[in-house]
Amino acid sequence: MGGIYDANNMANLTKEYFDKKIGGVTKDLKSYVNDKHEELARLVSAGFEDVIKRLDVRERVEKLEKNVGKIMEAINLRV
């Protein structure tokens, strides 16, 4: 007894169905992971930029040194 209800035929149809479903899920999962990976890279990059900005205090120190110089000049304590 063959035909469309043959066990072998049904097994192949089932395999094709699951291969298609799994293939779609795999593509979706890869896309999701790639999106999250890019988002994580942006967040890490922004975090490092913020840390570098906070650690780079040269401008602030220069301003403070100028202000201290002006204060010392104002009270006649030349350096």
PDB file of N, CA and C in Angstrom:
ATOM      1  N   MET A   1       0.828  -1.183   0.000  1.00  0.00           N
ATOM      2  CA  MET A   1       0.000   0.000   0.000  1.00  0.00           C
ATOM      3  C   MET A   1       0.874   1.249   0.000  1.00  0.00           C
ATOM      4  N   GLY A   2       1.014   1.912  -1.058  1.00  0.00           N
ATOM      5  CA  GLY A   2       1.872   3.084  -1.149  1.00  0.00           C
ATOM      6  C   GLY A   2       1.053   4.353  -1.132  1.00  0.00           C
ATOM      7  N   GLY A   3       1.422   5.275  -1.960  1.00  0.00           N
ATOM      8  CA  GLY A   3       0.675   6.510  -2.093  1.00  0.00           C
ATOM      9  C   GLY A   3       1.156   7.592  -1.134  1.00  0.00           C
ATOM     10  N   ILE A   4       0.296   8.604  -0.965  1.00  0.00           N
ATOM     11  CA  ILE A   4       0.705   9.757  -0.163  1.00  0.00           C
ATOM     12  C   ILE A   4       0.763   9.450   1.326  1.00  0.00           C
ATOM     13  N   TYR A   5       0.140   8.370   1.774  1.00  0.00           N
ATOM     14  CA  TYR A   5       0.154   8.026   3.187  1.00  0.00           C
ATOM     15  C   TYR A   5       1.211   6.986   3.533  1.00  0.00           C
ATOM     16  N   ASP A   6       2.102   6.751   2.605  1.00  0.00           N
ATOM     17  CA  ASP A   6       3.204   5.813   2.827  1.00  0.00           C
ATOM     18  C   ASP A   6       4.052   6.338   3.992  1.00  0.00           C
ATOM     19  N   ALA A   7       4.489   5.467   4.865  1.00  0.00           N
ATOM     20  CA  ALA A   7       5.266   5.875   6.053  1.00  0.00           C
ATOM     21  C   ALA A   7       6.530   6.609   5.655  1.00  0.00           C
ATOM     22  N   ASN A   8       7.202   6.154   4.630  1.00  0.00           N
ATOM     23  CA  ASN A   8       8.426   6.798   4.154  1.00  0.00           C
ATOM     24  C   ASN A   8       8.128   8.207   3.637  1.00  0.00           C
ATOM     25  N   ASN A   9       7.046   8.308   2.878  1.00  0.00           N
ATOM     26  CA  ASN A   9       6.645   9.599   2.335  1.00  0.00           C
ATOM     27  C   ASN A   9       6.280  10.569   3.465  1.00  0.00           C
ATOM     28  N   MET A  10       5.545  10.084   4.449  1.00  0.00           N
ATOM     29  CA  MET A  10       5.160  10.921   5.592  1.00  0.00           C
ATOM     30  C   MET A  10       6.396  11.361   6.379  1.00  0.00           C
ATOM     31  N   ALA A  11       7.338  10.460   6.533  1.00  0.00           N
ATOM     32  CA  ALA A  11       8.571  10.805   7.242  1.00  0.00           C
ATOM     33  C   ALA A  11       9.318  11.901   6.508  1.00  0.00           C
ATOM     34  N   ASN A  12       9.377  11.797   5.175  1.00  0.00           N
ATOM     35  CA  ASN A  12      10.071  12.831   4.383  1.00  0.00           C
ATOM     36  C   ASN A  12       9.350  14.169   4.480  1.00  0.00           C
ATOM     37  N   LEU A  13       8.008  14.136   4.424  1.00  0.00           N
ATOM     38  CA  LEU A  13       7.239  15.381   4.542  1.00  0.00           C
ATOM     39  C   LEU A  13       7.465  16.013   5.915  1.00  0.00           C
ATOM     40  N   THR A  14       7.452  15.182   6.954  1.00  0.00           N
ATOM     41  CA  THR A  14       7.681  15.678   8.302  1.00  0.00           C
ATOM     42  C   THR A  14       9.078  16.264   8.423  1.00  0.00           C
ATOM     43  N   LYS A  15      10.068  15.595   7.859  1.00  0.00           N
ATOM     44  CA  LYS A  15      11.453  16.077   7.894  1.00  0.00           C
ATOM     45  C   LYS A  15      11.562  17.411   7.161  1.00  0.00           C
ATOM     46  N   GLU A  16      10.959  17.504   5.994  1.00  0.00           N
ATOM     47  CA  GLU A  16      10.998  18.764   5.226  1.00  0.00           C
ATOM     48  C   GLU A  16      10.341  19.890   6.031  1.00  0.00           C
ATOM     49  N   TYR A  17       9.202  19.592   6.645  1.00  0.00           N
ATOM     50  CA  TYR A  17       8.483  20.587   7.437  1.00  0.00           C
ATOM     51  C   TYR A  17       9.366  21.110   8.575  1.00  0.00           C
ATOM     52  N   PHE A  18       9.954  20.186   9.332  1.00  0.00           N
ATOM     53  CA  PHE A  18      10.784  20.603  10.460  1.00  0.00           C
ATOM     54  C   PHE A  18      12.063  21.277  10.002  1.00  0.00           C
ATOM     55  N   ASP A  19      12.639  20.842   8.893  1.00  0.00           N
ATOM     56  CA  ASP A  19      13.827  21.509   8.354  1.00  0.00           C
ATOM     57  C   ASP A  19      13.515  22.957   8.006  1.00  0.00           C
ATOM     58  N   LYS A  20      12.345  23.178   7.388  1.00  0.00           N
ATOM     59  CA  LYS A  20      11.947  24.548   7.037  1.00  0.00           C
ATOM     60  C   LYS A  20      11.723  25.378   8.300  1.00  0.00           C
ATOM     61  N   LYS A  21      11.011  24.792   9.264  1.00  0.00           N
ATOM     62  CA  LYS A  21      10.732  25.518  10.516  1.00  0.00           C
ATOM     63  C   LYS A  21      12.030  25.824  11.261  1.00  0.00           C
ATOM     64  N   ILE A  22      12.878  24.840  11.381  1.00  0.00           N
ATOM     65  CA  ILE A  22      14.148  25.034  12.093  1.00  0.00           C
ATOM     66  C   ILE A  22      15.017  26.034  11.349  1.00  0.00           C
ATOM     67  N   GLY A  23      15.023  25.955  10.023  1.00  0.00           N
ATOM     68  CA  GLY A  23      15.793  26.913   9.224  1.00  0.00           C
ATOM     69  C   GLY A  23      15.325  28.336   9.461  1.00  0.00           C
ATOM     70  N   GLY A  24      14.003  28.523   9.519  1.00  0.00           N
ATOM     71  CA  GLY A  24      13.448  29.858   9.776  1.00  0.00           C
ATOM     72  C   GLY A  24      13.794  30.354  11.162  1.00  0.00           C
ATOM     73  N   VAL A  25      13.673  29.464  12.135  1.00  0.00           N
ATOM     74  CA  VAL A  25      13.996  29.836  13.516  1.00  0.00           C
ATOM     75  C   VAL A  25      15.485  30.161  13.625  1.00  0.00           C
ATOM     76  N   THR A  26      16.313  29.371  12.959  1.00  0.00           N
ATOM     77  CA  THR A  26      17.754  29.609  13.001  1.00  0.00           C
ATOM     78  C   THR A  26      18.084  30.978  12.414  1.00  0.00           C
ATOM     79  N   LYS A  27      17.460  31.320  11.293  1.00  0.00           N
ATOM     80  CA  LYS A  27      17.699  32.640  10.679  1.00  0.00           C
ATOM     81  C   LYS A  27      17.262  33.759  11.617  1.00  0.00           C
ATOM     82  N   ASP A  28      16.068  33.579  12.221  1.00  0.00           N
ATOM     83  CA  ASP A  28      15.561  34.580  13.158  1.00  0.00           C
ATOM     84  C   ASP A  28      16.493  34.731  14.355  1.00  0.00           C
ATOM     85  N   LEU A  29      16.955  33.603  14.869  1.00  0.00           N
ATOM     86  CA  LEU A  29      17.843  33.621  16.022  1.00  0.00           C
ATOM     87  C   LEU A  29      19.170  34.295  15.680  1.00  0.00           C
ATOM     88  N   LYS A  30      19.725  33.978  14.519  1.00  0.00           N
ATOM     89  CA  LYS A  30      20.984  34.613  14.100  1.00  0.00           C
ATOM     90  C   LYS A  30      20.802  36.116  13.949  1.00  0.00           C
ATOM     91  N   SER A  31      19.689  36.524  13.370  1.00  0.00           N
ATOM     92  CA  SER A  31      19.407  37.948  13.196  1.00  0.00           C
ATOM     93  C   SER A  31      19.291  38.645  14.560  1.00  0.00           C
ATOM     94  N   TYR A  32      18.571  38.011  15.484  1.00  0.00           N
ATOM     95  CA  TYR A  32      18.403  38.562  16.830  1.00  0.00           C
ATOM     96  C   TYR A  32      19.753  38.695  17.540  1.00  0.00           C
ATOM     97  N   VAL A  33      20.565  37.639  17.457  1.00  0.00           N
ATOM     98  CA  VAL A  33      21.877  37.651  18.109  1.00  0.00           C
ATOM     99  C   VAL A  33      22.756  38.734  17.495  1.00  0.00           C
ATOM    100  N   ASN A  34      22.734  38.866  16.174  1.00  0.00           N
ATOM    101  CA  ASN A  34      23.533  39.910  15.522  1.00  0.00           C
ATOM    102  C   ASN A  34      23.098  41.298  15.961  1.00  0.00           C
ATOM    103  N   ASP A  35      21.780  41.514  16.038  1.00  0.00           N
ATOM    104  CA  ASP A  35      21.270  42.817  16.495  1.00  0.00           C
ATOM    105  C   ASP A  35      21.726  43.108  17.920  1.00  0.00           C
ATOM    106  N   LYS A  36      21.602  42.120  18.793  1.00  0.00           N
ATOM    107  CA  LYS A  36      22.001  42.315  20.190  1.00  0.00           C
ATOM    108  C   LYS A  36      23.509  42.496  20.311  1.00  0.00           C
ATOM    109  N   HIS A  37      24.263  41.807  19.473  1.00  0.00           N
ATOM    110  CA  HIS A  37      25.722  41.941  19.478  1.00  0.00           C
ATOM    111  C   HIS A  37      26.108  43.369  19.089  1.00  0.00           C
ATOM    112  N   GLU A  38      25.467  43.901  18.062  1.00  0.00           N
ATOM    113  CA  GLU A  38      25.739  45.278  17.638  1.00  0.00           C
ATOM    114  C   GLU A  38      25.345  46.272  18.730  1.00  0.00           C
ATOM    115  N   GLU A  39      24.202  46.026  19.365  1.00  0.00           N
ATOM    116  CA  GLU A  39      23.753  46.908  20.451  1.00  0.00           C
ATOM    117  C   GLU A  39      24.739  46.879  21.614  1.00  0.00           C
ATOM    118  N   LEU A  40      25.206  45.694  21.966  1.00  0.00           N
ATOM    119  CA  LEU A  40      26.179  45.554  23.043  1.00  0.00           C
ATOM    120  C   LEU A  40      27.477  46.273  22.692  1.00  0.00           C
ATOM    121  N   ALA A  41      27.922  46.156  21.443  1.00  0.00           N
ATOM    122  CA  ALA A  41      29.146  46.832  21.015  1.00  0.00           C
ATOM    123  C   ALA A  41      28.993  48.347  21.137  1.00  0.00           C
ATOM    124  N   ARG A  42      27.819  48.871  20.754  1.00  0.00           N
ATOM    125  CA  ARG A  42      27.577  50.318  20.879  1.00  0.00           C
ATOM    126  C   ARG A  42      27.595  50.743  22.350  1.00  0.00           C
ATOM    127  N   LEU A  43      26.954  49.966  23.206  1.00  0.00           N
ATOM    128  CA  LEU A  43      26.918  50.305  24.631  1.00  0.00           C
ATOM    129  C   LEU A  43      28.304  50.276  25.262  1.00  0.00           C
ATOM    130  N   VAL A  44      29.080  49.267  24.923  1.00  0.00           N
ATOM    131  CA  VAL A  44      30.435  49.159  25.466  1.00  0.00           C
ATOM    132  C   VAL A  44      31.282  50.320  24.972  1.00  0.00           C
ATOM    133  N   SER A  45      31.160  50.634  23.696  1.00  0.00           N
ATOM    134  CA  SER A  45      31.917  51.745  23.127  1.00  0.00           C
ATOM    135  C   SER A  45      31.554  53.064  23.810  1.00  0.00           C
ATOM    136  N   ALA A  46      30.270  53.301  23.984  1.00  0.00           N
ATOM    137  CA  ALA A  46      29.819  54.529  24.655  1.00  0.00           C
ATOM    138  C   ALA A  46      30.319  54.569  26.089  1.00  0.00           C
ATOM    139  N   GLY A  47      30.314  53.420  26.749  1.00  0.00           N
ATOM    140  CA  GLY A  47      30.806  53.356  28.123  1.00  0.00           C
ATOM    141  C   GLY A  47      32.279  53.693  28.214  1.00  0.00           C
ATOM    142  N   PHE A  48      33.066  53.149  27.290  1.00  0.00           N
ATOM    143  CA  PHE A  48      34.496  53.449  27.286  1.00  0.00           C
ATOM    144  C   PHE A  48      34.748  54.917  26.974  1.00  0.00           C
ATOM    145  N   GLU A  49      33.974  55.472  26.047  1.00  0.00           N
ATOM    146  CA  GLU A  49      34.129  56.893  25.726  1.00  0.00           C
ATOM    147  C   GLU A  49      33.852  57.745  26.953  1.00  0.00           C
ATOM    148  N   ASP A  50      32.819  57.377  27.713  1.00  0.00           N
ATOM    149  CA  ASP A  50      32.475  58.114  28.924  1.00  0.00           C
ATOM    150  C   ASP A  50      33.592  58.003  29.964  1.00  0.00           C
ATOM    151  N   VAL A  51      34.128  56.810  30.153  1.00  0.00           N
ATOM    152  CA  VAL A  51      35.211  56.608  31.124  1.00  0.00           C
ATOM    153  C   VAL A  51      36.442  57.415  30.708  1.00  0.00           C
ATOM    154  N   ILE A  52      36.784  57.370  29.439  1.00  0.00           N
ATOM    155  CA  ILE A  52      37.955  58.116  28.949  1.00  0.00           C
ATOM    156  C   ILE A  52      37.744  59.610  29.160  1.00  0.00           C
ATOM    157  N   LYS A  53      36.524  60.069  28.877  1.00  0.00           N
ATOM    158  CA  LYS A  53      36.215  61.491  29.062  1.00  0.00           C
ATOM    159  C   LYS A  53      36.349  61.877  30.537  1.00  0.00           C
ATOM    160  N   ARG A  54      35.881  61.023  31.419  1.00  0.00           N
ATOM    161  CA  ARG A  54      35.967  61.329  32.854  1.00  0.00           C
ATOM    162  C   ARG A  54      37.405  61.285  33.350  1.00  0.00           C
ATOM    163  N   LEU A  55      38.200  60.400  32.777  1.00  0.00           N
ATOM    164  CA  LEU A  55      39.588  60.283  33.222  1.00  0.00           C
ATOM    165  C   LEU A  55      40.476  61.384  32.639  1.00  0.00           C
ATOM    166  N   ASP A  56      40.077  61.947  31.514  1.00  0.00           N
ATOM    167  CA  ASP A  56      40.881  62.979  30.877  1.00  0.00           C
ATOM    168  C   ASP A  56      40.554  64.328  31.521  1.00  0.00           C
ATOM    169  N   VAL A  57      41.348  64.688  32.520  1.00  0.00           N
ATOM    170  CA  VAL A  57      41.095  65.899  33.297  1.00  0.00           C
ATOM    171  C   VAL A  57      42.104  66.999  32.987  1.00  0.00           C
ATOM    172  N   ARG A  58      42.829  66.855  31.897  1.00  0.00           N
ATOM    173  CA  ARG A  58      43.863  67.850  31.578  1.00  0.00           C
ATOM    174  C   ARG A  58      43.310  69.263  31.471  1.00  0.00           C
ATOM    175  N   GLU A  59      42.199  69.414  30.734  1.00  0.00           N
ATOM    176  CA  GLU A  59      41.623  70.757  30.570  1.00  0.00           C
ATOM    177  C   GLU A  59      41.212  71.343  31.916  1.00  0.00           C
ATOM    178  N   ARG A  60      40.600  70.508  32.723  1.00  0.00           N
ATOM    179  CA  ARG A  60      40.154  70.968  34.043  1.00  0.00           C
ATOM    180  C   ARG A  60      41.342  71.395  34.901  1.00  0.00           C
ATOM    181  N   VAL A  61      42.423  70.615  34.866  1.00  0.00           N
ATOM    182  CA  VAL A  61      43.616  70.946  35.637  1.00  0.00           C
ATOM    183  C   VAL A  61      44.223  72.254  35.132  1.00  0.00           C
ATOM    184  N   GLU A  62      44.283  72.449  33.814  1.00  0.00           N
ATOM    185  CA  GLU A  62      44.822  73.693  33.253  1.00  0.00           C
ATOM    186  C   GLU A  62      44.014  74.902  33.737  1.00  0.00           C
ATOM    187  N   LYS A  63      42.675  74.782  33.709  1.00  0.00           N
ATOM    188  CA  LYS A  63      41.831  75.881  34.184  1.00  0.00           C
ATOM    189  C   LYS A  63      42.072  76.163  35.659  1.00  0.00           C
ATOM    190  N   LEU A  64      42.161  75.097  36.439  1.00  0.00           N
ATOM    191  CA  LEU A  64      42.405  75.278  37.874  1.00  0.00           C
ATOM    192  C   LEU A  64      43.762  75.926  38.126  1.00  0.00           C
ATOM    193  N   GLU A  65      44.791  75.524  37.368  1.00  0.00           N
ATOM    194  CA  GLU A  65      46.123  76.126  37.529  1.00  0.00           C
ATOM    195  C   GLU A  65      46.089  77.614  37.175  1.00  0.00           C
ATOM    196  N   LYS A  66      45.347  77.968  36.109  1.00  0.00           N
ATOM    197  CA  LYS A  66      45.210  79.379  35.741  1.00  0.00           C
ATOM    198  C   LYS A  66      44.497  80.153  36.845  1.00  0.00           C
ATOM    199  N   ASN A  67      43.433  79.551  37.375  1.00  0.00           N
ATOM    200  CA  ASN A  67      42.683  80.213  38.448  1.00  0.00           C
ATOM    201  C   ASN A  67      43.544  80.401  39.691  1.00  0.00           C
ATOM    202  N   VAL A  68      44.314  79.387  40.041  1.00  0.00           N
ATOM    203  CA  VAL A  68      45.213  79.500  41.198  1.00  0.00           C
ATOM    204  C   VAL A  68      46.243  80.606  40.940  1.00  0.00           C
ATOM    205  N   GLY A  69      46.758  80.659  39.709  1.00  0.00           N
ATOM    206  CA  GLY A  69      47.709  81.727  39.361  1.00  0.00           C
ATOM    207  C   GLY A  69      47.090  83.095  39.519  1.00  0.00           C
ATOM    208  N   LYS A  70      45.855  83.258  39.066  1.00  0.00           N
ATOM    209  CA  LYS A  70      45.162  84.544  39.188  1.00  0.00           C
ATOM    210  C   LYS A  70      44.926  84.893  40.660  1.00  0.00           C
ATOM    211  N   ILE A  71      44.549  83.902  41.436  1.00  0.00           N
ATOM    212  CA  ILE A  71      44.318  84.127  42.872  1.00  0.00           C
ATOM    213  C   ILE A  71      45.624  84.560  43.540  1.00  0.00           C
ATOM    214  N   MET A  72      46.706  83.886  43.214  1.00  0.00           N
ATOM    215  CA  MET A  72      47.992  84.221  43.834  1.00  0.00           C
ATOM    216  C   MET A  72      48.448  85.619  43.411  1.00  0.00           C
ATOM    217  N   GLU A  73      48.187  85.979  42.158  1.00  0.00           N
ATOM    218  CA  GLU A  73      48.524  87.334  41.699  1.00  0.00           C
ATOM    219  C   GLU A  73      47.688  88.353  42.462  1.00  0.00           C
ATOM    220  N   ALA A  74      46.435  88.025  42.658  1.00  0.00           N
ATOM    221  CA  ALA A  74      45.528  88.956  43.347  1.00  0.00           C
ATOM    222  C   ALA A  74      45.947  89.172  44.786  1.00  0.00           C
ATOM    223  N   ILE A  75      46.539  88.197  45.417  1.00  0.00           N
ATOM    224  CA  ILE A  75      46.975  88.396  46.800  1.00  0.00           C
ATOM    225  C   ILE A  75      48.492  88.630  46.864  1.00  0.00           C
ATOM    226  N   ASN A  76      49.060  88.946  45.719  1.00  0.00           N
ATOM    227  CA  ASN A  76      50.482  89.307  45.609  1.00  0.00           C
ATOM    228  C   ASN A  76      51.432  88.215  46.071  1.00  0.00           C
ATOM    229  N   LEU A  77      51.190  87.018  45.720  1.00  0.00           N
ATOM    230  CA  LEU A  77      52.091  85.906  46.002  1.00  0.00           C
ATOM    231  C   LEU A  77      52.562  85.321  44.679  1.00  0.00           C
ATOM    232  N   ARG A  78      53.470  85.948  44.051  1.00  0.00           N
ATOM    233  CA  ARG A  78      53.940  85.471  42.749  1.00  0.00           C
ATOM    234  C   ARG A  78      54.675  84.141  42.900  1.00  0.00           C
ATOM    235  N   VAL A  79      54.459  83.296  41.921  1.00  0.00           N
ATOM    236  CA  VAL A  79      55.056  81.967  41.954  1.00  0.00           C
ATOM    237  C   VAL A  79      56.359  81.993  41.169  1.00  0.00           C
TER     238      VAL A  79
END
